[in-house]
PDB file of N, CA and C in Angstrom:
ATOM      1  N   UNK A   1       9.016  25.043  26.405  1.00  0.00           N
ATOM      2  CA  UNK A   1       8.091  23.946  26.674  1.00  0.00           C
ATOM      3  C   UNK A   1       7.941  23.102  25.411  1.00  0.00           C
ATOM      4  N   UNK A   2       7.852  21.812  25.603  1.00  0.00           N
ATOM      5  CA  UNK A   2       7.681  20.878  24.494  1.00  0.00           C
ATOM      6  C   UNK A   2       6.205  20.560  24.350  1.00  0.00           C
ATOM      7  N   UNK A   3       5.701  20.659  23.137  1.00  0.00           N
ATOM      8  CA  UNK A   3       4.302  20.333  22.882  1.00  0.00           C
ATOM      9  C   UNK A   3       4.089  18.836  23.032  1.00  0.00           C
ATOM     10  N   UNK A   4       2.979  18.449  23.647  1.00  0.00           N
ATOM     11  CA  UNK A   4       2.657  17.027  23.799  1.00  0.00           C
ATOM     12  C   UNK A   4       1.670  16.570  22.745  1.00  0.00           C
ATOM     13  N   UNK A   5       1.342  17.444  21.823  1.00  0.00           N
ATOM     14  CA  UNK A   5       0.425  17.058  20.757  1.00  0.00           C
ATOM     15  C   UNK A   5       1.156  17.104  19.431  1.00  0.00           C
ATOM     16  N   UNK A   6       0.628  16.408  18.482  1.00  0.00           N
ATOM     17  CA  UNK A   6       1.208  16.392  17.141  1.00  0.00           C
ATOM     18  C   UNK A   6       0.124  16.743  16.145  1.00  0.00           C
ATOM     19  N   UNK A   7       0.539  17.089  14.959  1.00  0.00           N
ATOM     20  CA  UNK A   7      -0.427  17.353  13.900  1.00  0.00           C
ATOM     21  C   UNK A   7      -0.795  16.014  13.274  1.00  0.00           C
ATOM     22  N   UNK A   8      -1.498  15.184  14.022  1.00  0.00           N
ATOM     23  CA  UNK A   8      -1.857  13.855  13.537  1.00  0.00           C
ATOM     24  C   UNK A   8      -2.928  13.968  12.461  1.00  0.00           C
ATOM     25  N   UNK A   9      -2.982  12.984  11.580  1.00  0.00           N
ATOM     26  CA  UNK A   9      -3.930  13.046  10.469  1.00  0.00           C
ATOM     27  C   UNK A   9      -5.381  13.033  10.943  1.00  0.00           C
ATOM     28  N   UNK A  10      -6.206  13.791  10.275  1.00  0.00           N
ATOM     29  CA  UNK A  10      -7.627  13.831  10.621  1.00  0.00           C
ATOM     30  C   UNK A  10      -8.320  12.514  10.305  1.00  0.00           C
ATOM     31  N   UNK A  11      -7.725  11.721   9.415  1.00  0.00           N
ATOM     32  CA  UNK A  11      -8.326  10.442   9.047  1.00  0.00           C
ATOM     33  C   UNK A  11      -7.738   9.278   9.853  1.00  0.00           C
ATOM     34  N   UNK A  12      -7.280   9.580  11.057  1.00  0.00           N
ATOM     35  CA  UNK A  12      -6.739   8.540  11.926  1.00  0.00           C
ATOM     36  C   UNK A  12      -7.858   7.537  12.221  1.00  0.00           C
ATOM     37  N   UNK A  13      -7.553   6.251  12.041  1.00  0.00           N
ATOM     38  CA  UNK A  13      -8.560   5.193  12.116  1.00  0.00           C
ATOM     39  C   UNK A  13      -8.618   4.495  13.472  1.00  0.00           C
ATOM     40  N   UNK A  14      -7.761   4.881  14.386  1.00  0.00           N
ATOM     41  CA  UNK A  14      -7.717   4.252  15.708  1.00  0.00           C
ATOM     42  C   UNK A  14      -7.661   5.323  16.780  1.00  0.00           C
ATOM     43  N   UNK A  15      -7.932   4.926  18.024  1.00  0.00           N
ATOM     44  CA  UNK A  15      -7.720   5.898  19.104  1.00  0.00           C
ATOM     45  C   UNK A  15      -6.246   6.318  19.123  1.00  0.00           C
ATOM     46  N   UNK A  16      -5.979   7.566  19.453  1.00  0.00           N
ATOM     47  CA  UNK A  16      -4.600   8.045  19.497  1.00  0.00           C
ATOM     48  C   UNK A  16      -3.834   7.334  20.609  1.00  0.00           C
ATOM     49  N   UNK A  17      -2.558   7.111  20.383  1.00  0.00           N
ATOM     50  CA  UNK A  17      -1.687   6.463  21.367  1.00  0.00           C
ATOM     51  C   UNK A  17      -0.887   7.546  22.071  1.00  0.00           C
ATOM     52  N   UNK A  18      -0.921   7.550  23.402  1.00  0.00           N
ATOM     53  CA  UNK A  18      -0.143   8.517  24.177  1.00  0.00           C
ATOM     54  C   UNK A  18       1.181   7.867  24.575  1.00  0.00           C
ATOM     55  N   UNK A  19       2.287   8.479  24.175  1.00  0.00           N
ATOM     56  CA  UNK A  19       3.621   7.954  24.460  1.00  0.00           C
ATOM     57  C   UNK A  19       3.866   7.957  25.968  1.00  0.00           C
ATOM     58  N   UNK A  20       4.364   6.830  26.469  1.00  0.00           N
ATOM     59  CA  UNK A  20       4.692   6.680  27.883  1.00  0.00           C
ATOM     60  C   UNK A  20       6.177   6.954  28.112  1.00  0.00           C
ATOM     61  N   UNK A  21       6.553   7.143  29.357  1.00  0.00           N
ATOM     62  CA  UNK A  21       7.921   7.508  29.749  1.00  0.00           C
ATOM     63  C   UNK A  21       9.025   6.714  29.065  1.00  0.00           C
ATOM     64  N   UNK A  22       8.961   5.406  29.108  1.00  0.00           N
ATOM     65  CA  UNK A  22      10.049   4.576  28.593  1.00  0.00           C
ATOM     66  C   UNK A  22       9.741   3.958  27.236  1.00  0.00           C
ATOM     67  N   UNK A  23       8.783   4.499  26.512  1.00  0.00           N
ATOM     68  CA  UNK A  23       8.422   3.948  25.207  1.00  0.00           C
ATOM     69  C   UNK A  23       9.558   4.092  24.199  1.00  0.00           C
ATOM     70  N   UNK A  24       9.661   3.085  23.359  1.00  0.00           N
ATOM     71  CA  UNK A  24      10.542   3.105  22.192  1.00  0.00           C
ATOM     72  C   UNK A  24       9.649   2.797  20.996  1.00  0.00           C
ATOM     73  N   UNK A  25      10.187   2.892  19.804  1.00  0.00           N
ATOM     74  CA  UNK A  25       9.383   2.515  18.634  1.00  0.00           C
ATOM     75  C   UNK A  25       8.885   1.082  18.771  1.00  0.00           C
ATOM     76  N   UNK A  26       9.755   0.192  19.227  1.00  0.00           N
ATOM     77  CA  UNK A  26       9.363  -1.212  19.340  1.00  0.00           C
ATOM     78  C   UNK A  26       8.249  -1.419  20.363  1.00  0.00           C
ATOM     79  N   UNK A  27       8.313  -0.752  21.513  1.00  0.00           N
ATOM     80  CA  UNK A  27       7.242  -0.940  22.507  1.00  0.00           C
ATOM     81  C   UNK A  27       5.935  -0.336  22.013  1.00  0.00           C
ATOM     82  N   UNK A  28       6.007   0.801  21.339  1.00  0.00           N
ATOM     83  CA  UNK A  28       4.791   1.413  20.787  1.00  0.00           C
ATOM     84  C   UNK A  28       4.172   0.481  19.754  1.00  0.00           C
ATOM     85  N   UNK A  29       4.996  -0.080  18.880  1.00  0.00           N
ATOM     86  CA  UNK A  29       4.490  -0.986  17.839  1.00  0.00           C
ATOM     87  C   UNK A  29       3.891  -2.248  18.449  1.00  0.00           C
ATOM     88  N   UNK A  30       4.550  -2.811  19.443  1.00  0.00           N
ATOM     89  CA  UNK A  30       4.022  -4.005  20.104  1.00  0.00           C
ATOM     90  C   UNK A  30       2.729  -3.703  20.845  1.00  0.00           C
ATOM     91  N   UNK A  31       2.709  -2.633  21.619  1.00  0.00           N
ATOM     92  CA  UNK A  31       1.512  -2.277  22.391  1.00  0.00           C
ATOM     93  C   UNK A  31       0.359  -1.839  21.498  1.00  0.00           C
ATOM     94  N   UNK A  32       0.684  -1.127  20.425  1.00  0.00           N
ATOM     95  CA  UNK A  32      -0.346  -0.598  19.542  1.00  0.00           C
ATOM     96  C   UNK A  32      -0.701  -1.491  18.372  1.00  0.00           C
ATOM     97  N   UNK A  33      -0.017  -2.647  18.263  1.00  0.00           N
ATOM     98  CA  UNK A  33      -0.259  -3.587  17.156  1.00  0.00           C
ATOM     99  C   UNK A  33      -0.161  -2.873  15.806  1.00  0.00           C
ATOM    100  N   UNK A  34       0.982  -2.249  15.589  1.00  0.00           N
ATOM    101  CA  UNK A  34       1.233  -1.510  14.355  1.00  0.00           C
ATOM    102  C   UNK A  34       2.660  -1.812  13.902  1.00  0.00           C
ATOM    103  N   UNK A  35       2.893  -1.839  12.596  1.00  0.00           N
ATOM    104  CA  UNK A  35       4.249  -2.101  12.102  1.00  0.00           C
ATOM    105  C   UNK A  35       5.134  -0.876  12.302  1.00  0.00           C
ATOM    106  N   UNK A  36       6.440  -1.122  12.424  1.00  0.00           N
ATOM    107  CA  UNK A  36       7.387  -0.022  12.569  1.00  0.00           C
ATOM    108  C   UNK A  36       7.301   0.929  11.377  1.00  0.00           C
ATOM    109  N   UNK A  37       7.156   0.361  10.185  1.00  0.00           N
ATOM    110  CA  UNK A  37       7.075   1.192   8.984  1.00  0.00           C
ATOM    111  C   UNK A  37       5.831   2.079   9.015  1.00  0.00           C
ATOM    112  N   UNK A  38       4.678   1.485   9.326  1.00  0.00           N
ATOM    113  CA  UNK A  38       3.434   2.254   9.352  1.00  0.00           C
ATOM    114  C   UNK A  38       3.507   3.362  10.396  1.00  0.00           C
ATOM    115  N   UNK A  39       4.075   3.061  11.566  1.00  0.00           N
ATOM    116  CA  UNK A  39       4.193   4.061  12.624  1.00  0.00           C
ATOM    117  C   UNK A  39       5.019   5.256  12.158  1.00  0.00           C
ATOM    118  N   UNK A  40       6.162   5.008  11.532  1.00  0.00           N
ATOM    119  CA  UNK A  40       7.009   6.123  11.099  1.00  0.00           C
ATOM    120  C   UNK A  40       6.435   6.846   9.880  1.00  0.00           C
ATOM    121  N   UNK A  41       5.703   6.134   9.029  1.00  0.00           N
ATOM    122  CA  UNK A  41       5.088   6.755   7.858  1.00  0.00           C
ATOM    123  C   UNK A  41       3.994   7.745   8.271  1.00  0.00           C
ATOM    124  N   UNK A  42       3.181   7.362   9.235  1.00  0.00           N
ATOM    125  CA  UNK A  42       2.060   8.198   9.660  1.00  0.00           C
ATOM    126  C   UNK A  42       2.505   9.324  10.590  1.00  0.00           C
ATOM    127  N   UNK A  43       3.603   9.111  11.316  1.00  0.00           N
ATOM    128  CA  UNK A  43       4.096  10.084  12.293  1.00  0.00           C
ATOM    129  C   UNK A  43       5.538  10.474  11.958  1.00  0.00           C
ATOM    130  N   UNK A  44       5.751  11.152  10.824  1.00  0.00           N
ATOM    131  CA  UNK A  44       7.123  11.435  10.370  1.00  0.00           C
ATOM    132  C   UNK A  44       7.892  12.391  11.279  1.00  0.00           C
ATOM    133  N   UNK A  45       7.199  13.109  12.151  1.00  0.00           N
ATOM    134  CA  UNK A  45       7.870  14.107  12.977  1.00  0.00           C
ATOM    135  C   UNK A  45       8.868  13.514  13.968  1.00  0.00           C
ATOM    136  N   UNK A  46       8.750  12.232  14.280  1.00  0.00           N
ATOM    137  CA  UNK A  46       9.737  11.684  15.225  1.00  0.00           C
ATOM    138  C   UNK A  46      10.852  10.924  14.544  1.00  0.00           C
ATOM    139  N   UNK A  47      10.837  10.820  13.231  1.00  0.00           N
ATOM    140  CA  UNK A  47      11.943  10.248  12.476  1.00  0.00           C
ATOM    141  C   UNK A  47      11.982   8.736  12.490  1.00  0.00           C
ATOM    142  N   UNK A  48      12.687   8.172  11.521  1.00  0.00           N
ATOM    143  CA  UNK A  48      12.784   6.717  11.392  1.00  0.00           C
ATOM    144  C   UNK A  48      13.525   6.093  12.564  1.00  0.00           C
ATOM    145  N   UNK A  49      14.390   6.864  13.232  1.00  0.00           N
ATOM    146  CA  UNK A  49      15.138   6.335  14.367  1.00  0.00           C
ATOM    147  C   UNK A  49      14.413   6.558  15.697  1.00  0.00           C
ATOM    148  N   UNK A  50      13.251   7.175  15.661  1.00  0.00           N
ATOM    149  CA  UNK A  50      12.397   7.423  16.845  1.00  0.00           C
ATOM    150  C   UNK A  50      13.008   8.376  17.859  1.00  0.00           C
ATOM    151  N   UNK A  51      14.012   9.106  17.488  1.00  0.00           N
ATOM    152  CA  UNK A  51      14.616  10.036  18.451  1.00  0.00           C
ATOM    153  C   UNK A  51      13.709  11.216  18.767  1.00  0.00           C
ATOM    154  N   UNK A  52      12.703  11.444  17.929  1.00  0.00           N
ATOM    155  CA  UNK A  52      11.823  12.585  18.144  1.00  0.00           C
ATOM    156  C   UNK A  52      10.607  12.306  19.006  1.00  0.00           C
ATOM    157  N   UNK A  53      10.432  11.067  19.493  1.00  0.00           N
ATOM    158  CA  UNK A  53       9.256  10.805  20.325  1.00  0.00           C
ATOM    159  C   UNK A  53       9.453  11.434  21.696  1.00  0.00           C
ATOM    160  N   UNK A  54       8.373  11.926  22.250  1.00  0.00           N
ATOM    161  CA  UNK A  54       8.406  12.605  23.543  1.00  0.00           C
ATOM    162  C   UNK A  54       7.309  12.046  24.444  1.00  0.00           C
ATOM    163  N   UNK A  55       7.588  12.004  25.712  1.00  0.00           N
ATOM    164  CA  UNK A  55       6.610  11.561  26.692  1.00  0.00           C
ATOM    165  C   UNK A  55       5.310  12.358  26.535  1.00  0.00           C
ATOM    166  N   UNK A  56       4.199  11.657  26.573  1.00  0.00           N
ATOM    167  CA  UNK A  56       2.844  12.223  26.484  1.00  0.00           C
ATOM    168  C   UNK A  56       2.455  12.671  25.078  1.00  0.00           C
ATOM    169  N   UNK A  57       3.341  12.518  24.100  1.00  0.00           N
ATOM    170  CA  UNK A  57       3.012  12.855  22.710  1.00  0.00           C
ATOM    171  C   UNK A  57       1.888  11.939  22.229  1.00  0.00           C
ATOM    172  N   UNK A  58       0.998  12.469  21.404  1.00  0.00           N
ATOM    173  CA  UNK A  58      -0.090  11.681  20.836  1.00  0.00           C
ATOM    174  C   UNK A  58       0.288  11.228  19.434  1.00  0.00           C
ATOM    175  N   UNK A  59       0.099   9.936  19.171  1.00  0.00           N
ATOM    176  CA  UNK A  59       0.451   9.370  17.871  1.00  0.00           C
ATOM    177  C   UNK A  59      -0.749   8.696  17.237  1.00  0.00           C
ATOM    178  N   UNK A  60      -0.853   8.816  15.926  1.00  0.00           N
ATOM    179  CA  UNK A  60      -1.839   8.065  15.159  1.00  0.00           C
ATOM    180  C   UNK A  60      -1.199   6.725  14.805  1.00  0.00           C
ATOM    181  N   UNK A  61      -1.943   5.635  14.958  1.00  0.00           N
ATOM    182  CA  UNK A  61      -1.411   4.305  14.669  1.00  0.00           C
ATOM    183  C   UNK A  61      -1.939   3.715  13.369  1.00  0.00           C
ATOM    184  N   UNK A  62      -2.933   4.339  12.755  1.00  0.00           N
ATOM    185  CA  UNK A  62      -3.467   3.822  11.502  1.00  0.00           C
ATOM    186  C   UNK A  62      -4.370   4.833  10.835  1.00  0.00           C
ATOM    187  N   UNK A  63      -4.280   4.918   9.507  1.00  0.00           N
ATOM    188  CA  UNK A  63      -5.136   5.825   8.740  1.00  0.00           C
ATOM    189  C   UNK A  63      -6.211   5.032   8.021  1.00  0.00           C
ATOM    190  N   UNK A  64      -7.369   5.645   7.867  1.00  0.00           N
ATOM    191  CA  UNK A  64      -8.478   4.998   7.160  1.00  0.00           C
ATOM    192  C   UNK A  64      -8.024   4.548   5.778  1.00  0.00           C
ATOM    193  N   UNK A  65      -8.301   3.279   5.465  1.00  0.00           N
ATOM    194  CA  UNK A  65      -7.955   2.725   4.169  1.00  0.00           C
ATOM    195  C   UNK A  65      -6.499   2.324   4.015  1.00  0.00           C
ATOM    196  N   UNK A  66      -5.670   2.610   5.021  1.00  0.00           N
ATOM    197  CA  UNK A  66      -4.244   2.280   4.937  1.00  0.00           C
ATOM    198  C   UNK A  66      -3.760   1.551   6.183  1.00  0.00           C
ATOM    199  N   UNK A  67      -4.667   1.087   7.006  1.00  0.00           N
ATOM    200  CA  UNK A  67      -4.302   0.494   8.288  1.00  0.00           C
ATOM    201  C   UNK A  67      -4.012  -0.991   8.123  1.00  0.00           C
ATOM    202  N   UNK A  68      -2.765  -1.364   8.274  1.00  0.00           N
ATOM    203  CA  UNK A  68      -2.354  -2.765   8.176  1.00  0.00           C
ATOM    204  C   UNK A  68      -2.575  -3.429   9.532  1.00  0.00           C
ATOM    205  N   UNK A  69      -3.386  -4.457   9.567  1.00  0.00           N
ATOM    206  CA  UNK A  69      -3.685  -5.105  10.847  1.00  0.00           C
ATOM    207  C   UNK A  69      -3.100  -6.504  10.957  1.00  0.00           C
ATOM    208  N   UNK A  70      -2.596  -7.071   9.864  1.00  0.00           N
ATOM    209  CA  UNK A  70      -1.935  -8.376   9.915  1.00  0.00           C
ATOM    210  C   UNK A  70      -0.464  -8.139  10.201  1.00  0.00           C
ATOM    211  N   UNK A  71      -0.048  -8.489  11.416  1.00  0.00           N
ATOM    212  CA  UNK A  71       1.305  -8.182  11.855  1.00  0.00           C
ATOM    213  C   UNK A  71       2.077  -9.434  12.223  1.00  0.00           C
ATOM    214  N   UNK A  72       3.396  -9.317  12.189  1.00  0.00           N
ATOM    215  CA  UNK A  72       4.291 -10.403  12.579  1.00  0.00           C
ATOM    216  C   UNK A  72       5.481  -9.782  13.289  1.00  0.00           C
ATOM    217  N   UNK A  73       5.814 -10.286  14.473  1.00  0.00           N
ATOM    218  CA  UNK A  73       6.989  -9.803  15.194  1.00  0.00           C
ATOM    219  C   UNK A  73       8.170 -10.698  14.831  1.00  0.00           C
ATOM    220  N   UNK A  74       9.223 -10.099  14.303  1.00  0.00           N
ATOM    221  CA  UNK A  74      10.401 -10.836  13.848  1.00  0.00           C
ATOM    222  C   UNK A  74      11.143 -11.428  15.043  1.00  0.00           C
ATOM    223  N   UNK A  75      11.519 -12.707  14.914  1.00  0.00           N
ATOM    224  CA  UNK A  75      12.312 -13.366  15.947  1.00  0.00           C
ATOM    225  C   UNK A  75      13.720 -13.624  15.410  1.00  0.00           C
ATOM    226  N   UNK A  76      14.624 -13.936  16.303  1.00  0.00           N
ATOM    227  CA  UNK A  76      16.017 -14.177  15.944  1.00  0.00           C
ATOM    228  C   UNK A  76      16.130 -15.281  14.892  1.00  0.00           C
ATOM    229  N   UNK A  77      16.918 -15.022  13.868  1.00  0.00           N
ATOM    230  CA  UNK A  77      17.155 -16.008  12.820  1.00  0.00           C
ATOM    231  C   UNK A  77      16.159 -15.988  11.680  1.00  0.00           C
ATOM    232  N   UNK A  78      15.099 -15.193  11.787  1.00  0.00           N
ATOM    233  CA  UNK A  78      14.109 -15.142  10.705  1.00  0.00           C
ATOM    234  C   UNK A  78      14.643 -14.344   9.523  1.00  0.00           C
ATOM    235  N   UNK A  79      14.221 -14.752   8.359  1.00  0.00           N
ATOM    236  CA  UNK A  79      14.542 -14.058   7.113  1.00  0.00           C
ATOM    237  C   UNK A  79      13.227 -13.590   6.497  1.00  0.00           C
ATOM    238  N   UNK A  80      13.320 -12.761   5.482  1.00  0.00           N
ATOM    239  CA  UNK A  80      12.100 -12.338   4.783  1.00  0.00           C
ATOM    240  C   UNK A  80      11.372 -13.542   4.199  1.00  0.00           C
ATOM    241  N   UNK A  81      12.125 -14.501   3.704  1.00  0.00           N
ATOM    242  CA  UNK A  81      11.518 -15.699   3.128  1.00  0.00           C
ATOM    243  C   UNK A  81      10.721 -16.478   4.182  1.00  0.00           C
ATOM    244  N   UNK A  82      11.297 -16.618   5.382  1.00  0.00           N
ATOM    245  CA  UNK A  82      10.607 -17.342   6.457  1.00  0.00           C
ATOM    246  C   UNK A  82       9.353 -16.599   6.912  1.00  0.00           C
ATOM    247  N   UNK A  83       9.461 -15.281   7.052  1.00  0.00           N
ATOM    248  CA  UNK A  83       8.303 -14.487   7.478  1.00  0.00           C
ATOM    249  C   UNK A  83       7.202 -14.577   6.433  1.00  0.00           C
ATOM    250  N   UNK A  84       7.546 -14.382   5.170  1.00  0.00           N
ATOM    251  CA  UNK A  84       6.550 -14.437   4.093  1.00  0.00           C
ATOM    252  C   UNK A  84       5.858 -15.794   4.069  1.00  0.00           C
ATOM    253  N   UNK A  85       6.630 -16.869   4.172  1.00  0.00           N
ATOM    254  CA  UNK A  85       6.047 -18.217   4.155  1.00  0.00           C
ATOM    255  C   UNK A  85       5.134 -18.439   5.358  1.00  0.00           C
ATOM    256  N   UNK A  86       5.514 -17.900   6.518  1.00  0.00           N
ATOM    257  CA  UNK A  86       4.711 -18.124   7.729  1.00  0.00           C
ATOM    258  C   UNK A  86       3.357 -17.429   7.680  1.00  0.00           C
ATOM    259  N   UNK A  87       3.256 -16.354   6.902  1.00  0.00           N
ATOM    260  CA  UNK A  87       1.980 -15.635   6.798  1.00  0.00           C
ATOM    261  C   UNK A  87       1.296 -15.857   5.452  1.00  0.00           C
ATOM    262  N   UNK A  88       1.910 -16.699   4.607  1.00  0.00           N
ATOM    263  CA  UNK A  88       1.265 -17.092   3.360  1.00  0.00           C
ATOM    264  C   UNK A  88       1.272 -16.062   2.254  1.00  0.00           C
ATOM    265  N   UNK A  89       2.348 -15.268   2.170  1.00  0.00           N
ATOM    266  CA  UNK A  89       2.457 -14.293   1.080  1.00  0.00           C
ATOM    267  C   UNK A  89       3.810 -14.457   0.393  1.00  0.00           C
ATOM    268  N   UNK A  90       3.950 -13.832  -0.769  1.00  0.00           N
ATOM    269  CA  UNK A  90       5.210 -13.835  -1.502  1.00  0.00           C
ATOM    270  C   UNK A  90       6.162 -12.807  -0.881  1.00  0.00           C
ATOM    271  N   UNK A  91       7.452 -13.049  -0.999  1.00  0.00           N
ATOM    272  CA  UNK A  91       8.459 -12.140  -0.445  1.00  0.00           C
ATOM    273  C   UNK A  91       8.324 -10.741  -1.039  1.00  0.00           C
ATOM    274  N   UNK A  92       8.032 -10.650  -2.353  1.00  0.00           N
ATOM    275  CA  UNK A  92       7.917  -9.322  -2.971  1.00  0.00           C
ATOM    276  C   UNK A  92       6.763  -8.517  -2.364  1.00  0.00           C
ATOM    277  N   UNK A  93       5.681  -9.172  -1.966  1.00  0.00           N
ATOM    278  CA  UNK A  93       4.556  -8.478  -1.310  1.00  0.00           C
ATOM    279  C   UNK A  93       4.983  -7.999   0.076  1.00  0.00           C
ATOM    280  N   UNK A  94       5.705  -8.848   0.816  1.00  0.00           N
ATOM    281  CA  UNK A  94       6.214  -8.459   2.132  1.00  0.00           C
ATOM    282  C   UNK A  94       7.083  -7.210   2.016  1.00  0.00           C
ATOM    283  N   UNK A  95       7.973  -7.178   1.026  1.00  0.00           N
ATOM    284  CA  UNK A  95       8.865  -6.029   0.855  1.00  0.00           C
ATOM    285  C   UNK A  95       8.114  -4.789   0.370  1.00  0.00           C
ATOM    286  N   UNK A  96       7.098  -4.964  -0.469  1.00  0.00           N
ATOM    287  CA  UNK A  96       6.296  -3.816  -0.918  1.00  0.00           C
ATOM    288  C   UNK A  96       5.562  -3.179   0.257  1.00  0.00           C
ATOM    289  N   UNK A  97       5.060  -4.007   1.165  1.00  0.00           N
ATOM    290  CA  UNK A  97       4.316  -3.502   2.318  1.00  0.00           C
ATOM    291  C   UNK A  97       5.227  -3.010   3.438  1.00  0.00           C
ATOM    292  N   UNK A  98       6.510  -3.345   3.365  1.00  0.00           N
ATOM    293  CA  UNK A  98       7.470  -2.985   4.410  1.00  0.00           C
ATOM    294  C   UNK A  98       8.785  -2.527   3.786  1.00  0.00           C
ATOM    295  N   UNK A  99       8.782  -1.389   3.074  1.00  0.00           N
ATOM    296  CA  UNK A  99       9.997  -0.950   2.391  1.00  0.00           C
ATOM    297  C   UNK A  99      11.163  -0.677   3.341  1.00  0.00           C
ATOM    298  N   UNK A 100      10.870  -0.529   4.624  1.00  0.00           N
ATOM    299  CA  UNK A 100      11.932  -0.318   5.605  1.00  0.00           C
ATOM    300  C   UNK A 100      12.807  -1.555   5.793  1.00  0.00           C
ATOM    301  N   UNK A 101      12.398  -2.708   5.248  1.00  0.00           N
ATOM    302  CA  UNK A 101      13.218  -3.919   5.332  1.00  0.00           C
ATOM    303  C   UNK A 101      14.448  -3.831   4.433  1.00  0.00           C
ATOM    304  N   UNK A 102      14.398  -2.969   3.436  1.00  0.00           N
ATOM    305  CA  UNK A 102      15.503  -2.838   2.489  1.00  0.00           C
ATOM    306  C   UNK A 102      15.302  -3.737   1.283  1.00  0.00           C
ATOM    307  N   UNK A 103      15.950  -3.392   0.196  1.00  0.00           N
ATOM    308  CA  UNK A 103      15.791  -4.128  -1.063  1.00  0.00           C
ATOM    309  C   UNK A 103      16.163  -5.605  -0.924  1.00  0.00           C
ATOM    310  N   UNK A 104      17.194  -5.879  -0.139  1.00  0.00           N
ATOM    311  CA  UNK A 104      17.651  -7.257   0.056  1.00  0.00           C
ATOM    312  C   UNK A 104      17.291  -7.791   1.444  1.00  0.00           C
ATOM    313  N   UNK A 105      16.331  -7.155   2.097  1.00  0.00           N
ATOM    314  CA  UNK A 105      15.909  -7.525   3.461  1.00  0.00           C
ATOM    315  C   UNK A 105      17.057  -7.420   4.460  1.00  0.00           C
ATOM    316  N   UNK A 106      17.978  -6.523   4.198  1.00  0.00           N
ATOM    317  CA  UNK A 106      19.128  -6.372   5.081  1.00  0.00           C
ATOM    318  C   UNK A 106      18.774  -5.730   6.422  1.00  0.00           C
ATOM    319  N   UNK A 107      17.580  -5.158   6.541  1.00  0.00           N
ATOM    320  CA  UNK A 107      17.206  -4.488   7.780  1.00  0.00           C
ATOM    321  C   UNK A 107      16.162  -5.258   8.580  1.00  0.00           C
ATOM    322  N   UNK A 108      16.013  -6.558   8.322  1.00  0.00           N
ATOM    323  CA  UNK A 108      15.089  -7.364   9.111  1.00  0.00           C
ATOM    324  C   UNK A 108      15.785  -7.664  10.444  1.00  0.00           C
ATOM    325  N   UNK A 109      15.172  -7.246  11.541  1.00  0.00           N
ATOM    326  CA  UNK A 109      15.790  -7.369  12.861  1.00  0.00           C
ATOM    327  C   UNK A 109      14.814  -7.943  13.873  1.00  0.00           C
ATOM    328  N   UNK A 110      15.301  -8.796  14.772  1.00  0.00           N
ATOM    329  CA  UNK A 110      14.434  -9.330  15.830  1.00  0.00           C
ATOM    330  C   UNK A 110      13.791  -8.204  16.635  1.00  0.00           C
ATOM    331  N   UNK A 111      12.530  -8.394  16.958  1.00  0.00           N
ATOM    332  CA  UNK A 111      11.791  -7.409  17.744  1.00  0.00           C
ATOM    333  C   UNK A 111      10.989  -6.436  16.914  1.00  0.00           C
ATOM    334  N   UNK A 112      11.287  -6.324  15.633  1.00  0.00           N
ATOM    335  CA  UNK A 112      10.532  -5.412  14.769  1.00  0.00           C
ATOM    336  C   UNK A 112       9.191  -6.038  14.420  1.00  0.00           C
ATOM    337  N   UNK A 113       8.191  -5.185  14.257  1.00  0.00           N
ATOM    338  CA  UNK A 113       6.842  -5.648  13.925  1.00  0.00           C
ATOM    339  C   UNK A 113       6.587  -5.369  12.463  1.00  0.00           C
TER     340      UNK A 113
END
């Protein structure tokens, strides 16, 4: 039997998210208003590729004092420079807050939050 619960942090700052049948990392991030990086950082048990998520699993979407609520969904053709300019921050701040983008922003992909 597969456990439907996780050892989520006690300092979870939001209601827990229950994984639905066809959820992917992107749908969870869009529905839960959380960045892909934050989701994988707080819930490392399902891995950066999200292969470990299971139906009915409970996920924490934000930790107290570390919950990023200003989000941007990447669209086709966007670069780190365009995203940073659209939200009024420097590119280095965008990359510090989203290390999953890669040093040269090589991992910026449409649909990511």
